[in-house]
Amino acid sequence: MESYIESLADTGVKQKSLTAKGTIVPSSAQKGNVMVITASYTDQGENNVKPLTRTAWVVLNGKKSDSSK
């Protein structure tokens, strides 16, 4: 029981996450592809309040046909 309570303190080093900005350049090799981008954030919580997590996603549809031909 004692080790469980001590584990709640979590005094370990936190791993850095990716930056909040960036660029994605998808491959255009095939037409009609779909890209799903997912982002998730977990806050640190507070006294007697566990951390909350929020997840969001965006679906990007690829080109359906090449109208330049």
PDB file of N, CA and C in Angstrom:
ATOM      1  N   MET A   1       0.832  -1.192   0.000  1.00  0.00           N
ATOM      2  CA  MET A   1       0.000   0.000   0.000  1.00  0.00           C
ATOM      3  C   MET A   1       0.878   1.257   0.000  1.00  0.00           C
ATOM      4  N   GLU A   2       1.943   1.217   0.773  1.00  0.00           N
ATOM      5  CA  GLU A   2       2.819   2.387   0.867  1.00  0.00           C
ATOM      6  C   GLU A   2       3.442   2.729  -0.488  1.00  0.00           C
ATOM      7  N   SER A   3       3.863   1.716  -1.233  1.00  0.00           N
ATOM      8  CA  SER A   3       4.477   1.988  -2.545  1.00  0.00           C
ATOM      9  C   SER A   3       3.460   2.596  -3.510  1.00  0.00           C
ATOM     10  N   TYR A   4       2.203   2.195  -3.399  1.00  0.00           N
ATOM     11  CA  TYR A   4       1.162   2.779  -4.246  1.00  0.00           C
ATOM     12  C   TYR A   4       0.982   4.258  -3.939  1.00  0.00           C
ATOM     13  N   ILE A   5       0.913   4.598  -2.664  1.00  0.00           N
ATOM     14  CA  ILE A   5       0.729   5.999  -2.262  1.00  0.00           C
ATOM     15  C   ILE A   5       1.919   6.832  -2.712  1.00  0.00           C
ATOM     16  N   GLU A   6       3.123   6.308  -2.567  1.00  0.00           N
ATOM     17  CA  GLU A   6       4.308   7.042  -3.006  1.00  0.00           C
ATOM     18  C   GLU A   6       4.327   7.216  -4.525  1.00  0.00           C
ATOM     19  N   SER A   7       3.778   6.243  -5.254  1.00  0.00           N
ATOM     20  CA  SER A   7       3.756   6.343  -6.716  1.00  0.00           C
ATOM     21  C   SER A   7       2.859   7.484  -7.195  1.00  0.00           C
ATOM     22  N   LEU A   8       1.910   7.898  -6.371  1.00  0.00           N
ATOM     23  CA  LEU A   8       1.014   8.992  -6.745  1.00  0.00           C
ATOM     24  C   LEU A   8       1.741  10.329  -6.809  1.00  0.00           C
ATOM     25  N   ALA A   9       2.844  10.448  -6.082  1.00  0.00           N
ATOM     26  CA  ALA A   9       3.616  11.689  -6.100  1.00  0.00           C
ATOM     27  C   ALA A   9       4.268  11.905  -7.459  1.00  0.00           C
ATOM     28  N   ASP A  10       4.664  10.856  -8.147  1.00  0.00           N
ATOM     29  CA  ASP A  10       5.253  10.927  -9.484  1.00  0.00           C
ATOM     30  C   ASP A  10       6.270  12.052  -9.605  1.00  0.00           C
ATOM     31  N   THR A  11       7.364  11.939  -8.907  1.00  0.00           N
ATOM     32  CA  THR A  11       8.408  12.967  -8.923  1.00  0.00           C
ATOM     33  C   THR A  11       9.417  12.738 -10.033  1.00  0.00           C
ATOM     34  N   GLY A  12       9.138  11.810 -10.946  1.00  0.00           N
ATOM     35  CA  GLY A  12      10.060  11.504 -12.041  1.00  0.00           C
ATOM     36  C   GLY A  12      10.136  12.639 -13.049  1.00  0.00           C
ATOM     37  N   VAL A  13      11.117  12.545 -13.929  1.00  0.00           N
ATOM     38  CA  VAL A  13      11.319  13.553 -14.973  1.00  0.00           C
ATOM     39  C   VAL A  13      10.244  13.375 -16.038  1.00  0.00           C
ATOM     40  N   LYS A  14       9.610  14.466 -16.425  1.00  0.00           N
ATOM     41  CA  LYS A  14       8.565  14.425 -17.449  1.00  0.00           C
ATOM     42  C   LYS A  14       9.212  14.448 -18.834  1.00  0.00           C
ATOM     43  N   GLN A  15       8.679  13.642 -19.731  1.00  0.00           N
ATOM     44  CA  GLN A  15       9.183  13.595 -21.090  1.00  0.00           C
ATOM     45  C   GLN A  15       8.615  14.768 -21.879  1.00  0.00           C
ATOM     46  N   LYS A  16       9.481  15.447 -22.653  1.00  0.00           N
ATOM     47  CA  LYS A  16       9.018  16.563 -23.479  1.00  0.00           C
ATOM     48  C   LYS A  16       8.135  16.031 -24.592  1.00  0.00           C
ATOM     49  N   SER A  17       7.108  16.802 -24.923  1.00  0.00           N
ATOM     50  CA  SER A  17       6.228  16.408 -26.018  1.00  0.00           C
ATOM     51  C   SER A  17       6.613  17.171 -27.276  1.00  0.00           C
ATOM     52  N   LEU A  18       5.931  16.868 -28.345  1.00  0.00           N
ATOM     53  CA  LEU A  18       6.177  17.558 -29.604  1.00  0.00           C
ATOM     54  C   LEU A  18       5.692  18.996 -29.522  1.00  0.00           C
ATOM     55  N   THR A  19       6.178  19.818 -30.420  1.00  0.00           N
ATOM     56  CA  THR A  19       5.755  21.222 -30.438  1.00  0.00           C
ATOM     57  C   THR A  19       4.296  21.332 -30.861  1.00  0.00           C
ATOM     58  N   ALA A  20       3.691  22.454 -30.548  1.00  0.00           N
ATOM     59  CA  ALA A  20       2.279  22.674 -30.874  1.00  0.00           C
ATOM     60  C   ALA A  20       2.084  23.089 -32.323  1.00  0.00           C
ATOM     61  N   LYS A  21       3.169  23.420 -33.019  1.00  0.00           N
ATOM     62  CA  LYS A  21       3.072  23.824 -34.420  1.00  0.00           C
ATOM     63  C   LYS A  21       3.898  22.884 -35.278  1.00  0.00           C
ATOM     64  N   GLY A  22       3.567  22.804 -36.543  1.00  0.00           N
ATOM     65  CA  GLY A  22       4.337  21.962 -37.446  1.00  0.00           C
ATOM     66  C   GLY A  22       3.710  21.916 -38.817  1.00  0.00           C
ATOM     67  N   THR A  23       4.356  21.188 -39.706  1.00  0.00           N
ATOM     68  CA  THR A  23       3.879  21.043 -41.075  1.00  0.00           C
ATOM     69  C   THR A  23       3.864  19.569 -41.433  1.00  0.00           C
ATOM     70  N   ILE A  24       2.802  19.141 -42.065  1.00  0.00           N
ATOM     71  CA  ILE A  24       2.696  17.770 -42.550  1.00  0.00           C
ATOM     72  C   ILE A  24       2.566  17.841 -44.065  1.00  0.00           C
ATOM     73  N   VAL A  25       3.438  17.144 -44.763  1.00  0.00           N
ATOM     74  CA  VAL A  25       3.377  17.087 -46.217  1.00  0.00           C
ATOM     75  C   VAL A  25       3.070  15.648 -46.607  1.00  0.00           C
ATOM     76  N   PRO A  26       1.790  15.353 -46.876  1.00  0.00           N
ATOM     77  CA  PRO A  26       1.421  13.974 -47.221  1.00  0.00           C
ATOM     78  C   PRO A  26       1.872  13.612 -48.630  1.00  0.00           C
ATOM     79  N   SER A  27       2.066  12.346 -48.848  1.00  0.00           N
ATOM     80  CA  SER A  27       2.417  11.845 -50.174  1.00  0.00           C
ATOM     81  C   SER A  27       1.209  11.968 -51.086  1.00  0.00           C
ATOM     82  N   SER A  28       1.443  12.399 -52.325  1.00  0.00           N
ATOM     83  CA  SER A  28       0.330  12.512 -53.284  1.00  0.00           C
ATOM     84  C   SER A  28       0.411  11.401 -54.322  1.00  0.00           C
ATOM     85  N   ALA A  29       1.017  10.284 -53.964  1.00  0.00           N
ATOM     86  CA  ALA A  29       1.200   9.182 -54.905  1.00  0.00           C
ATOM     87  C   ALA A  29      -0.114   8.560 -55.342  1.00  0.00           C
ATOM     88  N   GLN A  30      -1.079   8.457 -54.446  1.00  0.00           N
ATOM     89  CA  GLN A  30      -2.353   7.830 -54.787  1.00  0.00           C
ATOM     90  C   GLN A  30      -3.498   8.810 -54.553  1.00  0.00           C
ATOM     91  N   LYS A  31      -4.492   8.742 -55.394  1.00  0.00           N
ATOM     92  CA  LYS A  31      -5.666   9.601 -55.256  1.00  0.00           C
ATOM     93  C   LYS A  31      -6.673   8.942 -54.325  1.00  0.00           C
ATOM     94  N   GLY A  32      -7.493   9.724 -53.663  1.00  0.00           N
ATOM     95  CA  GLY A  32      -8.566   9.203 -52.832  1.00  0.00           C
ATOM     96  C   GLY A  32      -8.136   8.745 -51.451  1.00  0.00           C
ATOM     97  N   ASN A  33      -6.946   9.112 -51.012  1.00  0.00           N
ATOM     98  CA  ASN A  33      -6.500   8.729 -49.670  1.00  0.00           C
ATOM     99  C   ASN A  33      -7.130   9.612 -48.611  1.00  0.00           C
ATOM    100  N   VAL A  34      -7.085   9.152 -47.372  1.00  0.00           N
ATOM    101  CA  VAL A  34      -7.612   9.905 -46.234  1.00  0.00           C
ATOM    102  C   VAL A  34      -6.516   9.990 -45.186  1.00  0.00           C
ATOM    103  N   MET A  35      -6.368  11.175 -44.570  1.00  0.00           N
ATOM    104  CA  MET A  35      -5.413  11.347 -43.484  1.00  0.00           C
ATOM    105  C   MET A  35      -6.194  11.734 -42.236  1.00  0.00           C
ATOM    106  N   VAL A  36      -5.914  11.054 -41.125  1.00  0.00           N
ATOM    107  CA  VAL A  36      -6.549  11.367 -39.855  1.00  0.00           C
ATOM    108  C   VAL A  36      -5.464  11.902 -38.923  1.00  0.00           C
ATOM    109  N   ILE A  37      -5.644  13.132 -38.453  1.00  0.00           N
ATOM    110  CA  ILE A  37      -4.695  13.757 -37.538  1.00  0.00           C
ATOM    111  C   ILE A  37      -5.344  13.801 -36.163  1.00  0.00           C
ATOM    112  N   THR A  38      -4.655  13.249 -35.172  1.00  0.00           N
ATOM    113  CA  THR A  38      -5.183  13.169 -33.821  1.00  0.00           C
ATOM    114  C   THR A  38      -4.273  13.924 -32.869  1.00  0.00           C
ATOM    115  N   ALA A  39      -4.867  14.680 -31.958  1.00  0.00           N
ATOM    116  CA  ALA A  39      -4.117  15.393 -30.926  1.00  0.00           C
ATOM    117  C   ALA A  39      -4.749  15.102 -29.576  1.00  0.00           C
ATOM    118  N   SER A  40      -3.918  15.002 -28.560  1.00  0.00           N
ATOM    119  CA  SER A  40      -4.408  14.702 -27.221  1.00  0.00           C
ATOM    120  C   SER A  40      -3.635  15.534 -26.209  1.00  0.00           C
ATOM    121  N   TYR A  41      -4.313  15.996 -25.176  1.00  0.00           N
ATOM    122  CA  TYR A  41      -3.670  16.780 -24.118  1.00  0.00           C
ATOM    123  C   TYR A  41      -4.183  16.297 -22.769  1.00  0.00           C
ATOM    124  N   THR A  42      -3.264  16.117 -21.826  1.00  0.00           N
ATOM    125  CA  THR A  42      -3.621  15.766 -20.456  1.00  0.00           C
ATOM    126  C   THR A  42      -3.053  16.819 -19.527  1.00  0.00           C
ATOM    127  N   ASP A  43      -3.911  17.424 -18.699  1.00  0.00           N
ATOM    128  CA  ASP A  43      -3.414  18.411 -17.748  1.00  0.00           C
ATOM    129  C   ASP A  43      -2.775  17.694 -16.560  1.00  0.00           C
ATOM    130  N   GLN A  44      -2.208  18.454 -15.632  1.00  0.00           N
ATOM    131  CA  GLN A  44      -1.488  17.858 -14.512  1.00  0.00           C
ATOM    132  C   GLN A  44      -2.374  17.527 -13.324  1.00  0.00           C
ATOM    133  N   GLY A  45      -3.609  17.871 -13.391  1.00  0.00           N
ATOM    134  CA  GLY A  45      -4.493  17.629 -12.255  1.00  0.00           C
ATOM    135  C   GLY A  45      -4.183  18.603 -11.129  1.00  0.00           C
ATOM    136  N   GLU A  46      -4.815  18.413 -10.000  1.00  0.00           N
ATOM    137  CA  GLU A  46      -4.632  19.313  -8.866  1.00  0.00           C
ATOM    138  C   GLU A  46      -4.902  18.500  -7.606  1.00  0.00           C
ATOM    139  N   ASN A  47      -4.864  19.149  -6.465  1.00  0.00           N
ATOM    140  CA  ASN A  47      -5.128  18.450  -5.197  1.00  0.00           C
ATOM    141  C   ASN A  47      -6.467  17.738  -5.253  1.00  0.00           C
ATOM    142  N   ASN A  48      -6.447  16.445  -5.050  1.00  0.00           N
ATOM    143  CA  ASN A  48      -7.642  15.596  -5.029  1.00  0.00           C
ATOM    144  C   ASN A  48      -8.442  15.607  -6.335  1.00  0.00           C
ATOM    145  N   VAL A  49      -7.853  16.078  -7.424  1.00  0.00           N
ATOM    146  CA  VAL A  49      -8.510  16.058  -8.732  1.00  0.00           C
ATOM    147  C   VAL A  49      -7.567  15.354  -9.706  1.00  0.00           C
ATOM    148  N   LYS A  50      -8.036  14.278 -10.296  1.00  0.00           N
ATOM    149  CA  LYS A  50      -7.172  13.537 -11.204  1.00  0.00           C
ATOM    150  C   LYS A  50      -7.010  14.293 -12.526  1.00  0.00           C
ATOM    151  N   PRO A  51      -5.919  14.032 -13.258  1.00  0.00           N
ATOM    152  CA  PRO A  51      -5.695  14.703 -14.541  1.00  0.00           C
ATOM    153  C   PRO A  51      -6.816  14.411 -15.533  1.00  0.00           C
ATOM    154  N   LEU A  52      -7.135  15.397 -16.342  1.00  0.00           N
ATOM    155  CA  LEU A  52      -8.158  15.251 -17.373  1.00  0.00           C
ATOM    156  C   LEU A  52      -7.485  15.198 -18.740  1.00  0.00           C
ATOM    157  N   THR A  53      -8.040  14.402 -19.630  1.00  0.00           N
ATOM    158  CA  THR A  53      -7.498  14.272 -20.980  1.00  0.00           C
ATOM    159  C   THR A  53      -8.561  14.675 -21.990  1.00  0.00           C
ATOM    160  N   ARG A  54      -8.146  15.418 -23.007  1.00  0.00           N
ATOM    161  CA  ARG A  54      -9.023  15.831 -24.106  1.00  0.00           C
ATOM    162  C   ARG A  54      -8.369  15.388 -25.397  1.00  0.00           C
ATOM    163  N   THR A  55      -9.112  14.761 -26.267  1.00  0.00           N
ATOM    164  CA  THR A  55      -8.599  14.289 -27.550  1.00  0.00           C
ATOM    165  C   THR A  55      -9.480  14.842 -28.661  1.00  0.00           C
ATOM    166  N   ALA A  56      -8.851  15.260 -29.750  1.00  0.00           N
ATOM    167  CA  ALA A  56      -9.585  15.759 -30.915  1.00  0.00           C
ATOM    168  C   ALA A  56      -8.933  15.187 -32.175  1.00  0.00           C
ATOM    169  N   TRP A  57      -9.704  15.104 -33.247  1.00  0.00           N
ATOM    170  CA  TRP A  57      -9.151  14.610 -34.487  1.00  0.00           C
ATOM    171  C   TRP A  57      -9.788  15.333 -35.655  1.00  0.00           C
ATOM    172  N   VAL A  58      -9.052  15.341 -36.765  1.00  0.00           N
ATOM    173  CA  VAL A  58      -9.511  15.953 -38.009  1.00  0.00           C
ATOM    174  C   VAL A  58      -9.299  14.932 -39.115  1.00  0.00           C
ATOM    175  N   VAL A  59     -10.279  14.769 -39.978  1.00  0.00           N
ATOM    176  CA  VAL A  59     -10.171  13.860 -41.112  1.00  0.00           C
ATOM    177  C   VAL A  59     -10.015  14.698 -42.377  1.00  0.00           C
ATOM    178  N   LEU A  60      -8.921  14.479 -43.097  1.00  0.00           N
ATOM    179  CA  LEU A  60      -8.665  15.191 -44.344  1.00  0.00           C
ATOM    180  C   LEU A  60      -8.788  14.209 -45.500  1.00  0.00           C
ATOM    181  N   ASN A  61      -9.697  14.504 -46.427  1.00  0.00           N
ATOM    182  CA  ASN A  61      -9.877  13.648 -47.594  1.00  0.00           C
ATOM    183  C   ASN A  61      -8.923  14.077 -48.692  1.00  0.00           C
ATOM    184  N   GLY A  62      -8.296  13.097 -49.353  1.00  0.00           N
ATOM    185  CA  GLY A  62      -7.381  13.362 -50.444  1.00  0.00           C
ATOM    186  C   GLY A  62      -8.149  13.716 -51.706  1.00  0.00           C
ATOM    187  N   LYS A  63      -7.398  14.016 -52.761  1.00  0.00           N
ATOM    188  CA  LYS A  63      -8.009  14.324 -54.056  1.00  0.00           C
ATOM    189  C   LYS A  63      -8.796  13.134 -54.553  1.00  0.00           C
ATOM    190  N   LYS A  64      -9.955  13.391 -55.091  1.00  0.00           N
ATOM    191  CA  LYS A  64     -10.778  12.310 -55.642  1.00  0.00           C
ATOM    192  C   LYS A  64     -10.402  12.028 -57.094  1.00  0.00           C
ATOM    193  N   SER A  65     -10.049  13.084 -57.838  1.00  0.00           N
ATOM    194  CA  SER A  65      -9.634  12.884 -59.240  1.00  0.00           C
ATOM    195  C   SER A  65      -8.717  14.023 -59.635  1.00  0.00           C
ATOM    196  N   ASP A  66      -7.997  13.817 -60.706  1.00  0.00           N
ATOM    197  CA  ASP A  66      -7.070  14.829 -61.217  1.00  0.00           C
ATOM    198  C   ASP A  66      -7.759  15.566 -62.358  1.00  0.00           C
ATOM    199  N   SER A  67      -8.176  16.805 -62.112  1.00  0.00           N
ATOM    200  CA  SER A  67      -8.924  17.560 -63.127  1.00  0.00           C
ATOM    201  C   SER A  67      -8.019  18.252 -64.137  1.00  0.00           C
ATOM    202  N   SER A  68      -6.697  18.136 -63.986  1.00  0.00           N
ATOM    203  CA  SER A  68      -5.771  18.809 -64.903  1.00  0.00           C
ATOM    204  C   SER A  68      -5.558  18.018 -66.200  1.00  0.00           C
ATOM    205  N   LYS A  69      -6.074  16.791 -66.267  1.00  0.00           N
ATOM    206  CA  LYS A  69      -5.862  15.986 -67.477  1.00  0.00           C
ATOM    207  C   LYS A  69      -6.957  16.199 -68.491  1.00  0.00           C
TER     208      LYS A  69
END
